[in-house]
Amino acid sequence: MPELTFTNDRLSKRYELRRGDDLLSVLDYRDNGHTIALTRAFTSPQHRGHGWAAVVTERAVEEIEAAGDRTVLPVCWYVADWFAAHPERAGVLDGAAAR
């Protein structure tokens, strides 16, 4: 089975999670240079139910944290729920979102 690959497609403004050639899940964003608004998590219908949206969200948050120059605004309901389930990651949230 091909391994998972995670990429930041800056041209399309989305994070992508793939297994081989199969696109599993994407996380769209807007970046204003200070804050990255995570606007929509989507998993391809044939791949739903396996936690891929959580994987793409976690990897995106890890990448943003590692860069250290942006905060996150969880616009998408799924991303907001992910942060609620992972309070240890709240340090990367935009001040308004952390309240």
PDB file of N, CA and C in Angstrom:
ATOM      1  N   MET A   1       0.846  -1.175   0.000  1.00  0.00           N
ATOM      2  CA  MET A   1       0.000   0.000   0.000  1.00  0.00           C
ATOM      3  C   MET A   1       0.897   1.245   0.000  1.00  0.00           C
ATOM      4  N   PRO A   2       0.656   2.202  -0.905  1.00  0.00           N
ATOM      5  CA  PRO A   2       1.472   3.428  -0.935  1.00  0.00           C
ATOM      6  C   PRO A   2       1.345   4.207   0.371  1.00  0.00           C
ATOM      7  N   GLU A   3       2.413   4.908   0.722  1.00  0.00           N
ATOM      8  CA  GLU A   3       2.364   5.674   1.964  1.00  0.00           C
ATOM      9  C   GLU A   3       1.662   7.016   1.745  1.00  0.00           C
ATOM     10  N   LEU A   4       1.277   7.620   2.858  1.00  0.00           N
ATOM     11  CA  LEU A   4       0.599   8.913   2.820  1.00  0.00           C
ATOM     12  C   LEU A   4       1.591  10.017   2.494  1.00  0.00           C
ATOM     13  N   THR A   5       1.133  10.990   1.708  1.00  0.00           N
ATOM     14  CA  THR A   5       1.923  12.193   1.471  1.00  0.00           C
ATOM     15  C   THR A   5       1.058  13.399   1.806  1.00  0.00           C
ATOM     16  N   PHE A   6       1.682  14.364   2.457  1.00  0.00           N
ATOM     17  CA  PHE A   6       1.029  15.606   2.843  1.00  0.00           C
ATOM     18  C   PHE A   6       1.763  16.737   2.144  1.00  0.00           C
ATOM     19  N   THR A   7       1.017  17.604   1.480  1.00  0.00           N
ATOM     20  CA  THR A   7       1.632  18.737   0.795  1.00  0.00           C
ATOM     21  C   THR A   7       0.818  20.000   1.034  1.00  0.00           C
ATOM     22  N   ASN A   8       1.508  21.121   0.925  1.00  0.00           N
ATOM     23  CA  ASN A   8       0.870  22.429   0.968  1.00  0.00           C
ATOM     24  C   ASN A   8       0.893  22.949  -0.462  1.00  0.00           C
ATOM     25  N   ASP A   9      -0.247  22.917  -1.117  1.00  0.00           N
ATOM     26  CA  ASP A   9      -0.361  23.418  -2.485  1.00  0.00           C
ATOM     27  C   ASP A   9      -0.650  24.915  -2.394  1.00  0.00           C
ATOM     28  N   ARG A  10       0.410  25.708  -2.368  1.00  0.00           N
ATOM     29  CA  ARG A  10       0.266  27.150  -2.171  1.00  0.00           C
ATOM     30  C   ARG A  10      -0.495  27.827  -3.306  1.00  0.00           C
ATOM     31  N   LEU A  11      -0.369  27.321  -4.517  1.00  0.00           N
ATOM     32  CA  LEU A  11      -1.081  27.892  -5.649  1.00  0.00           C
ATOM     33  C   LEU A  11      -2.593  27.741  -5.479  1.00  0.00           C
ATOM     34  N   SER A  12      -3.028  26.568  -5.048  1.00  0.00           N
ATOM     35  CA  SER A  12      -4.457  26.316  -4.828  1.00  0.00           C
ATOM     36  C   SER A  12      -4.920  26.735  -3.441  1.00  0.00           C
ATOM     37  N   LYS A  13      -3.969  27.095  -2.569  1.00  0.00           N
ATOM     38  CA  LYS A  13      -4.254  27.481  -1.187  1.00  0.00           C
ATOM     39  C   LYS A  13      -5.001  26.369  -0.453  1.00  0.00           C
ATOM     40  N   ARG A  14      -4.363  25.204  -0.466  1.00  0.00           N
ATOM     41  CA  ARG A  14      -4.926  24.082   0.272  1.00  0.00           C
ATOM     42  C   ARG A  14      -3.843  23.079   0.624  1.00  0.00           C
ATOM     43  N   TYR A  15      -4.060  22.438   1.759  1.00  0.00           N
ATOM     44  CA  TYR A  15      -3.231  21.317   2.173  1.00  0.00           C
ATOM     45  C   TYR A  15      -3.879  20.064   1.597  1.00  0.00           C
ATOM     46  N   GLU A  16      -3.061  19.121   1.165  1.00  0.00           N
ATOM     47  CA  GLU A  16      -3.582  17.904   0.562  1.00  0.00           C
ATOM     48  C   GLU A  16      -2.983  16.672   1.241  1.00  0.00           C
ATOM     49  N   LEU A  17      -3.811  15.671   1.398  1.00  0.00           N
ATOM     50  CA  LEU A  17      -3.371  14.372   1.910  1.00  0.00           C
ATOM     51  C   LEU A  17      -3.681  13.345   0.833  1.00  0.00           C
ATOM     52  N   ARG A  18      -2.639  12.634   0.414  1.00  0.00           N
ATOM     53  CA  ARG A  18      -2.783  11.639  -0.655  1.00  0.00           C
ATOM     54  C   ARG A  18      -2.204  10.301  -0.215  1.00  0.00           C
ATOM     55  N   ARG A  19      -2.725   9.266  -0.815  1.00  0.00           N
ATOM     56  CA  ARG A  19      -2.124   7.927  -0.738  1.00  0.00           C
ATOM     57  C   ARG A  19      -1.902   7.525  -2.182  1.00  0.00           C
ATOM     58  N   GLY A  20      -0.637   7.505  -2.583  1.00  0.00           N
ATOM     59  CA  GLY A  20      -0.350   7.272  -3.999  1.00  0.00           C
ATOM     60  C   GLY A  20      -0.959   8.402  -4.813  1.00  0.00           C
ATOM     61  N   ASP A  21      -1.714   8.043  -5.846  1.00  0.00           N
ATOM     62  CA  ASP A  21      -2.374   9.043  -6.689  1.00  0.00           C
ATOM     63  C   ASP A  21      -3.747   9.449  -6.164  1.00  0.00           C
ATOM     64  N   ASP A  22      -4.227   8.787  -5.113  1.00  0.00           N
ATOM     65  CA  ASP A  22      -5.565   9.066  -4.582  1.00  0.00           C
ATOM     66  C   ASP A  22      -5.543  10.277  -3.653  1.00  0.00           C
ATOM     67  N   LEU A  23      -6.362  11.267  -3.972  1.00  0.00           N
ATOM     68  CA  LEU A  23      -6.547  12.419  -3.093  1.00  0.00           C
ATOM     69  C   LEU A  23      -7.538  12.011  -2.012  1.00  0.00           C
ATOM     70  N   LEU A  24      -7.074  11.957  -0.758  1.00  0.00           N
ATOM     71  CA  LEU A  24      -7.914  11.519   0.352  1.00  0.00           C
ATOM     72  C   LEU A  24      -8.695  12.678   0.958  1.00  0.00           C
ATOM     73  N   SER A  25      -7.982  13.759   1.290  1.00  0.00           N
ATOM     74  CA  SER A  25      -8.609  14.860   2.008  1.00  0.00           C
ATOM     75  C   SER A  25      -7.857  16.153   1.713  1.00  0.00           C
ATOM     76  N   VAL A  26      -8.585  17.271   1.771  1.00  0.00           N
ATOM     77  CA  VAL A  26      -7.972  18.584   1.576  1.00  0.00           C
ATOM     78  C   VAL A  26      -8.438  19.523   2.682  1.00  0.00           C
ATOM     79  N   LEU A  27      -7.627  20.544   2.918  1.00  0.00           N
ATOM     80  CA  LEU A  27      -7.961  21.587   3.881  1.00  0.00           C
ATOM     81  C   LEU A  27      -7.639  22.917   3.215  1.00  0.00           C
ATOM     82  N   ASP A  28      -8.671  23.647   2.830  1.00  0.00           N
ATOM     83  CA  ASP A  28      -8.511  24.941   2.169  1.00  0.00           C
ATOM     84  C   ASP A  28      -8.168  26.012   3.189  1.00  0.00           C
ATOM     85  N   TYR A  29      -7.444  27.047   2.733  1.00  0.00           N
ATOM     86  CA  TYR A  29      -7.073  28.126   3.649  1.00  0.00           C
ATOM     87  C   TYR A  29      -6.955  29.462   2.931  1.00  0.00           C
ATOM     88  N   ARG A  30      -6.965  30.505   3.741  1.00  0.00           N
ATOM     89  CA  ARG A  30      -6.635  31.873   3.312  1.00  0.00           C
ATOM     90  C   ARG A  30      -5.514  32.345   4.218  1.00  0.00           C
ATOM     91  N   ASP A  31      -4.507  32.966   3.642  1.00  0.00           N
ATOM     92  CA  ASP A  31      -3.344  33.416   4.408  1.00  0.00           C
ATOM     93  C   ASP A  31      -3.146  34.904   4.155  1.00  0.00           C
ATOM     94  N   ASN A  32      -3.268  35.723   5.223  1.00  0.00           N
ATOM     95  CA  ASN A  32      -3.095  37.167   5.063  1.00  0.00           C
ATOM     96  C   ASN A  32      -1.703  37.637   5.488  1.00  0.00           C
ATOM     97  N   GLY A  33      -0.803  36.699   5.738  1.00  0.00           N
ATOM     98  CA  GLY A  33       0.548  37.038   6.147  1.00  0.00           C
ATOM     99  C   GLY A  33       0.753  37.026   7.644  1.00  0.00           C
ATOM    100  N   HIS A  34      -0.339  37.028   8.403  1.00  0.00           N
ATOM    101  CA  HIS A  34      -0.284  36.971   9.864  1.00  0.00           C
ATOM    102  C   HIS A  34      -1.087  35.799  10.408  1.00  0.00           C
ATOM    103  N   THR A  35      -2.218  35.556   9.757  1.00  0.00           N
ATOM    104  CA  THR A  35      -3.139  34.513  10.201  1.00  0.00           C
ATOM    105  C   THR A  35      -3.513  33.630   9.021  1.00  0.00           C
ATOM    106  N   ILE A  36      -3.568  32.336   9.269  1.00  0.00           N
ATOM    107  CA  ILE A  36      -4.067  31.393   8.271  1.00  0.00           C
ATOM    108  C   ILE A  36      -5.458  30.973   8.710  1.00  0.00           C
ATOM    109  N   ALA A  37      -6.445  31.344   7.909  1.00  0.00           N
ATOM    110  CA  ALA A  37      -7.821  30.934   8.163  1.00  0.00           C
ATOM    111  C   ALA A  37      -8.032  29.583   7.495  1.00  0.00           C
ATOM    112  N   LEU A  38      -8.300  28.559   8.287  1.00  0.00           N
ATOM    113  CA  LEU A  38      -8.584  27.225   7.760  1.00  0.00           C
ATOM    114  C   LEU A  38     -10.078  27.178   7.477  1.00  0.00           C
ATOM    115  N   THR A  39     -10.426  27.211   6.181  1.00  0.00           N
ATOM    116  CA  THR A  39     -11.800  27.509   5.777  1.00  0.00           C
ATOM    117  C   THR A  39     -12.674  26.312   5.448  1.00  0.00           C
ATOM    118  N   ARG A  40     -12.061  25.187   5.025  1.00  0.00           N
ATOM    119  CA  ARG A  40     -12.900  24.043   4.652  1.00  0.00           C
ATOM    120  C   ARG A  40     -12.083  22.767   4.632  1.00  0.00           C
ATOM    121  N   ALA A  41     -12.511  21.809   5.430  1.00  0.00           N
ATOM    122  CA  ALA A  41     -11.941  20.462   5.376  1.00  0.00           C
ATOM    123  C   ALA A  41     -12.893  19.606   4.548  1.00  0.00           C
ATOM    124  N   PHE A  42     -12.325  18.807   3.649  1.00  0.00           N
ATOM    125  CA  PHE A  42     -13.144  17.971   2.782  1.00  0.00           C
ATOM    126  C   PHE A  42     -12.429  16.651   2.558  1.00  0.00           C
ATOM    127  N   THR A  43     -13.166  15.567   2.693  1.00  0.00           N
ATOM    128  CA  THR A  43     -12.651  14.237   2.388  1.00  0.00           C
ATOM    129  C   THR A  43     -13.446  13.682   1.218  1.00  0.00           C
ATOM    130  N   SER A  44     -12.739  13.131   0.251  1.00  0.00           N
ATOM    131  CA  SER A  44     -13.404  12.533  -0.903  1.00  0.00           C
ATOM    132  C   SER A  44     -14.396  11.482  -0.416  1.00  0.00           C
ATOM    133  N   PRO A  45     -15.601  11.463  -0.998  1.00  0.00           N
ATOM    134  CA  PRO A  45     -16.651  10.556  -0.500  1.00  0.00           C
ATOM    135  C   PRO A  45     -16.212   9.098  -0.357  1.00  0.00           C
ATOM    136  N   GLN A  46     -15.438   8.587  -1.286  1.00  0.00           N
ATOM    137  CA  GLN A  46     -15.037   7.173  -1.218  1.00  0.00           C
ATOM    138  C   GLN A  46     -14.020   6.902  -0.120  1.00  0.00           C
ATOM    139  N   HIS A  47     -13.476   7.968   0.492  1.00  0.00           N
ATOM    140  CA  HIS A  47     -12.466   7.793   1.546  1.00  0.00           C
ATOM    141  C   HIS A  47     -12.967   8.249   2.917  1.00  0.00           C
ATOM    142  N   ARG A  48     -14.220   8.592   3.029  1.00  0.00           N
ATOM    143  CA  ARG A  48     -14.756   9.066   4.310  1.00  0.00           C
ATOM    144  C   ARG A  48     -14.830   7.940   5.326  1.00  0.00           C
ATOM    145  N   GLY A  49     -14.790   8.343   6.608  1.00  0.00           N
ATOM    146  CA  GLY A  49     -14.932   7.378   7.685  1.00  0.00           C
ATOM    147  C   GLY A  49     -13.620   6.778   8.165  1.00  0.00           C
ATOM    148  N   HIS A  50     -12.497   7.297   7.689  1.00  0.00           N
ATOM    149  CA  HIS A  50     -11.192   6.762   8.076  1.00  0.00           C
ATOM    150  C   HIS A  50     -10.329   7.773   8.827  1.00  0.00           C
ATOM    151  N   GLY A  51     -10.890   8.944   9.129  1.00  0.00           N
ATOM    152  CA  GLY A  51     -10.156   9.942   9.896  1.00  0.00           C
ATOM    153  C   GLY A  51      -9.182  10.787   9.095  1.00  0.00           C
ATOM    154  N   TRP A  52      -9.327  10.814   7.769  1.00  0.00           N
ATOM    155  CA  TRP A  52      -8.376  11.564   6.949  1.00  0.00           C
ATOM    156  C   TRP A  52      -8.458  13.070   7.179  1.00  0.00           C
ATOM    157  N   ALA A  53      -9.638  13.602   7.450  1.00  0.00           N
ATOM    158  CA  ALA A  53      -9.749  15.047   7.732  1.00  0.00           C
ATOM    159  C   ALA A  53      -8.956  15.397   8.986  1.00  0.00           C
ATOM    160  N   ALA A  54      -8.980  14.530   9.979  1.00  0.00           N
ATOM    161  CA  ALA A  54      -8.194  14.770  11.197  1.00  0.00           C
ATOM    162  C   ALA A  54      -6.706  14.739  10.896  1.00  0.00           C
ATOM    163  N   VAL A  55      -6.287  13.832  10.022  1.00  0.00           N
ATOM    164  CA  VAL A  55      -4.869  13.734   9.673  1.00  0.00           C
ATOM    165  C   VAL A  55      -4.414  14.983   8.941  1.00  0.00           C
ATOM    166  N   VAL A  56      -5.169  15.424   7.934  1.00  0.00           N
ATOM    167  CA  VAL A  56      -4.759  16.608   7.174  1.00  0.00           C
ATOM    168  C   VAL A  56      -4.781  17.847   8.067  1.00  0.00           C
ATOM    169  N   THR A  57      -5.732  17.931   8.991  1.00  0.00           N
ATOM    170  CA  THR A  57      -5.790  19.066   9.914  1.00  0.00           C
ATOM    171  C   THR A  57      -4.592  19.051  10.848  1.00  0.00           C
ATOM    172  N   GLU A  58      -4.297  17.910  11.430  1.00  0.00           N
ATOM    173  CA  GLU A  58      -3.158  17.813  12.344  1.00  0.00           C
ATOM    174  C   GLU A  58      -1.848  18.165  11.652  1.00  0.00           C
ATOM    175  N   ARG A  59      -1.653  17.655  10.468  1.00  0.00           N
ATOM    176  CA  ARG A  59      -0.398  17.940   9.756  1.00  0.00           C
ATOM    177  C   ARG A  59      -0.304  19.412   9.357  1.00  0.00           C
ATOM    178  N   ALA A  60      -1.419  20.015   8.978  1.00  0.00           N
ATOM    179  CA  ALA A  60      -1.409  21.444   8.651  1.00  0.00           C
ATOM    180  C   ALA A  60      -1.057  22.270   9.886  1.00  0.00           C
ATOM    181  N   VAL A  61      -1.656  21.936  11.019  1.00  0.00           N
ATOM    182  CA  VAL A  61      -1.362  22.657  12.265  1.00  0.00           C
ATOM    183  C   VAL A  61       0.102  22.473  12.638  1.00  0.00           C
ATOM    184  N   GLU A  62       0.630  21.268  12.487  1.00  0.00           N
ATOM    185  CA  GLU A  62       2.047  21.032  12.770  1.00  0.00           C
ATOM    186  C   GLU A  62       2.939  21.902  11.889  1.00  0.00           C
ATOM    187  N   GLU A  63       2.606  22.006  10.611  1.00  0.00           N
ATOM    188  CA  GLU A  63       3.400  22.821   9.690  1.00  0.00           C
ATOM    189  C   GLU A  63       3.338  24.303  10.073  1.00  0.00           C
ATOM    190  N   ILE A  64       2.151  24.774  10.411  1.00  0.00           N
ATOM    191  CA  ILE A  64       1.981  26.177  10.801  1.00  0.00           C
ATOM    192  C   ILE A  64       2.739  26.460  12.093  1.00  0.00           C
ATOM    193  N   GLU A  65       2.629  25.560  13.061  1.00  0.00           N
ATOM    194  CA  GLU A  65       3.365  25.723  14.328  1.00  0.00           C
ATOM    195  C   GLU A  65       4.867  25.735  14.091  1.00  0.00           C
ATOM    196  N   ALA A  66       5.349  24.838  13.239  1.00  0.00           N
ATOM    197  CA  ALA A  66       6.788  24.737  12.987  1.00  0.00           C
ATOM    198  C   ALA A  66       7.319  26.013  12.337  1.00  0.00           C
ATOM    199  N   ALA A  67       6.548  26.619  11.449  1.00  0.00           N
ATOM    200  CA  ALA A  67       6.978  27.863  10.809  1.00  0.00           C
ATOM    201  C   ALA A  67       7.034  28.987  11.836  1.00  0.00           C
ATOM    202  N   GLY A  68       6.073  29.006  12.755  1.00  0.00           N
ATOM    203  CA  GLY A  68       6.086  29.948  13.865  1.00  0.00           C
ATOM    204  C   GLY A  68       5.786  31.394  13.532  1.00  0.00           C
ATOM    205  N   ASP A  69       5.317  31.670  12.326  1.00  0.00           N
ATOM    206  CA  ASP A  69       5.078  33.066  11.945  1.00  0.00           C
ATOM    207  C   ASP A  69       3.617  33.387  11.642  1.00  0.00           C
ATOM    208  N   ARG A  70       2.713  32.452  11.932  1.00  0.00           N
ATOM    209  CA  ARG A  70       1.294  32.656  11.676  1.00  0.00           C
ATOM    210  C   ARG A  70       0.481  32.092  12.841  1.00  0.00           C
ATOM    211  N   THR A  71      -0.712  32.631  13.010  1.00  0.00           N
ATOM    212  CA  THR A  71      -1.689  32.022  13.905  1.00  0.00           C
ATOM    213  C   THR A  71      -2.778  31.400  13.041  1.00  0.00           C
ATOM    214  N   VAL A  72      -3.637  30.626  13.669  1.00  0.00           N
ATOM    215  CA  VAL A  72      -4.695  29.920  12.955  1.00  0.00           C
ATOM    216  C   VAL A  72      -6.056  30.460  13.370  1.00  0.00           C
ATOM    217  N   LEU A  73      -6.900  30.699  12.390  1.00  0.00           N
ATOM    218  CA  LEU A  73      -8.294  31.037  12.627  1.00  0.00           C
ATOM    219  C   LEU A  73      -9.129  29.887  12.078  1.00  0.00           C
ATOM    220  N   PRO A  74      -9.764  29.090  12.949  1.00  0.00           N
ATOM    221  CA  PRO A  74     -10.524  27.923  12.487  1.00  0.00           C
ATOM    222  C   PRO A  74     -11.922  28.320  12.015  1.00  0.00           C
ATOM    223  N   VAL A  75     -12.040  28.687  10.747  1.00  0.00           N
ATOM    224  CA  VAL A  75     -13.324  29.093  10.170  1.00  0.00           C
ATOM    225  C   VAL A  75     -14.222  27.885   9.953  1.00  0.00           C
ATOM    226  N   CYS A  76     -13.647  26.800   9.497  1.00  0.00           N
ATOM    227  CA  CYS A  76     -14.390  25.567   9.229  1.00  0.00           C
ATOM    228  C   CYS A  76     -14.853  24.927  10.541  1.00  0.00           C
ATOM    229  N   TRP A  77     -16.096  24.481  10.593  1.00  0.00           N
ATOM    230  CA  TRP A  77     -16.637  23.867  11.812  1.00  0.00           C
ATOM    231  C   TRP A  77     -15.816  22.634  12.214  1.00  0.00           C
ATOM    232  N   TYR A  78     -15.352  21.869  11.217  1.00  0.00           N
ATOM    233  CA  TYR A  78     -14.584  20.667  11.540  1.00  0.00           C
ATOM    234  C   TYR A  78     -13.275  21.038  12.228  1.00  0.00           C
ATOM    235  N   VAL A  79     -12.600  22.046  11.721  1.00  0.00           N
ATOM    236  CA  VAL A  79     -11.328  22.476  12.308  1.00  0.00           C
ATOM    237  C   VAL A  79     -11.561  23.023  13.713  1.00  0.00           C
ATOM    238  N   ALA A  80     -12.643  23.779  13.907  1.00  0.00           N
ATOM    239  CA  ALA A  80     -12.968  24.279  15.249  1.00  0.00           C
ATOM    240  C   ALA A  80     -13.196  23.124  16.213  1.00  0.00           C
ATOM    241  N   ASP A  81     -13.912  22.099  15.770  1.00  0.00           N
ATOM    242  CA  ASP A  81     -14.130  20.914  16.610  1.00  0.00           C
ATOM    243  C   ASP A  81     -12.816  20.183  16.884  1.00  0.00           C
ATOM    244  N   TRP A  82     -11.931  20.131  15.887  1.00  0.00           N
ATOM    245  CA  TRP A  82     -10.632  19.485  16.073  1.00  0.00           C
ATOM    246  C   TRP A  82      -9.836  20.200  17.164  1.00  0.00           C
ATOM    247  N   PHE A  83      -9.822  21.537  17.133  1.00  0.00           N
ATOM    248  CA  PHE A  83      -9.114  22.287  18.169  1.00  0.00           C
ATOM    249  C   PHE A  83      -9.768  22.082  19.539  1.00  0.00           C
ATOM    250  N   ALA A  84     -11.090  21.985  19.593  1.00  0.00           N
ATOM    251  CA  ALA A  84     -11.776  21.741  20.866  1.00  0.00           C
ATOM    252  C   ALA A  84     -11.360  20.389  21.444  1.00  0.00           C
ATOM    253  N   ALA A  85     -11.119  19.413  20.572  1.00  0.00           N
ATOM    254  CA  ALA A  85     -10.697  18.082  21.015  1.00  0.00           C
ATOM    255  C   ALA A  85      -9.195  18.013  21.307  1.00  0.00           C
ATOM    256  N   HIS A  86      -8.445  19.040  20.907  1.00  0.00           N
ATOM    257  CA  HIS A  86      -6.989  19.082  21.099  1.00  0.00           C
ATOM    258  C   HIS A  86      -6.587  20.401  21.743  1.00  0.00           C
ATOM    259  N   PRO A  87      -7.018  20.635  22.984  1.00  0.00           N
ATOM    260  CA  PRO A  87      -6.724  21.924  23.633  1.00  0.00           C
ATOM    261  C   PRO A  87      -5.231  22.188  23.798  1.00  0.00           C
ATOM    262  N   GLU A  88      -4.418  21.143  23.761  1.00  0.00           N
ATOM    263  CA  GLU A  88      -2.966  21.322  23.864  1.00  0.00           C
ATOM    264  C   GLU A  88      -2.393  22.055  22.648  1.00  0.00           C
ATOM    265  N   ARG A  89      -3.164  22.174  21.575  1.00  0.00           N
ATOM    266  CA  ARG A  89      -2.710  22.859  20.360  1.00  0.00           C
ATOM    267  C   ARG A  89      -3.221  24.294  20.279  1.00  0.00           C
ATOM    268  N   ALA A  90      -3.902  24.772  21.304  1.00  0.00           N
ATOM    269  CA  ALA A  90      -4.531  26.100  21.284  1.00  0.00           C
ATOM    270  C   ALA A  90      -3.526  27.242  21.193  1.00  0.00           C
ATOM    271  N   GLY A  91      -2.259  26.988  21.481  1.00  0.00           N
ATOM    272  CA  GLY A  91      -1.257  28.045  21.427  1.00  0.00           C
ATOM    273  C   GLY A  91      -1.072  28.657  20.054  1.00  0.00           C
ATOM    274  N   VAL A  92      -1.464  27.952  19.004  1.00  0.00           N
ATOM    275  CA  VAL A  92      -1.312  28.456  17.644  1.00  0.00           C
ATOM    276  C   VAL A  92      -2.544  29.246  17.181  1.00  0.00           C
ATOM    277  N   LEU A  93      -3.609  29.219  17.980  1.00  0.00           N
ATOM    278  CA  LEU A  93      -4.843  29.905  17.580  1.00  0.00           C
ATOM    279  C   LEU A  93      -4.701  31.402  17.605  1.00  0.00           C
ATOM    280  N   ASP A  94      -5.379  32.060  16.679  1.00  0.00           N
ATOM    281  CA  ASP A  94      -5.493  33.501  16.661  1.00  0.00           C
ATOM    282  C   ASP A  94      -6.170  33.930  17.968  1.00  0.00           C
ATOM    283  N   GLY A  95      -5.793  35.066  18.495  1.00  0.00           N
ATOM    284  CA  GLY A  95      -6.316  35.532  19.784  1.00  0.00           C
ATOM    285  C   GLY A  95      -7.839  35.513  19.863  1.00  0.00           C
ATOM    286  N   ALA A  96      -8.517  35.914  18.799  1.00  0.00           N
ATOM    287  CA  ALA A  96      -9.980  35.933  18.800  1.00  0.00           C
ATOM    288  C   ALA A  96     -10.540  34.521  18.872  1.00  0.00           C
ATOM    289  N   ALA A  97      -9.882  33.567  18.222  1.00  0.00           N
ATOM    290  CA  ALA A  97     -10.363  32.188  18.209  1.00  0.00           C
ATOM    291  C   ALA A  97     -10.098  31.475  19.522  1.00  0.00           C
ATOM    292  N   ALA A  98      -9.075  31.916  20.237  1.00  0.00           N
ATOM    293  CA  ALA A  98      -8.700  31.244  21.480  1.00  0.00           C
ATOM    294  C   ALA A  98      -9.629  31.601  22.641  1.00  0.00           C
ATOM    295  N   ARG A  99     -10.452  32.603  22.482  1.00  0.00           N
ATOM    296  CA  ARG A  99     -11.359  33.016  23.566  1.00  0.00           C
ATOM    297  C   ARG A  99     -12.559  32.147  23.711  1.00  0.00           C
TER     298      ARG A  99
END
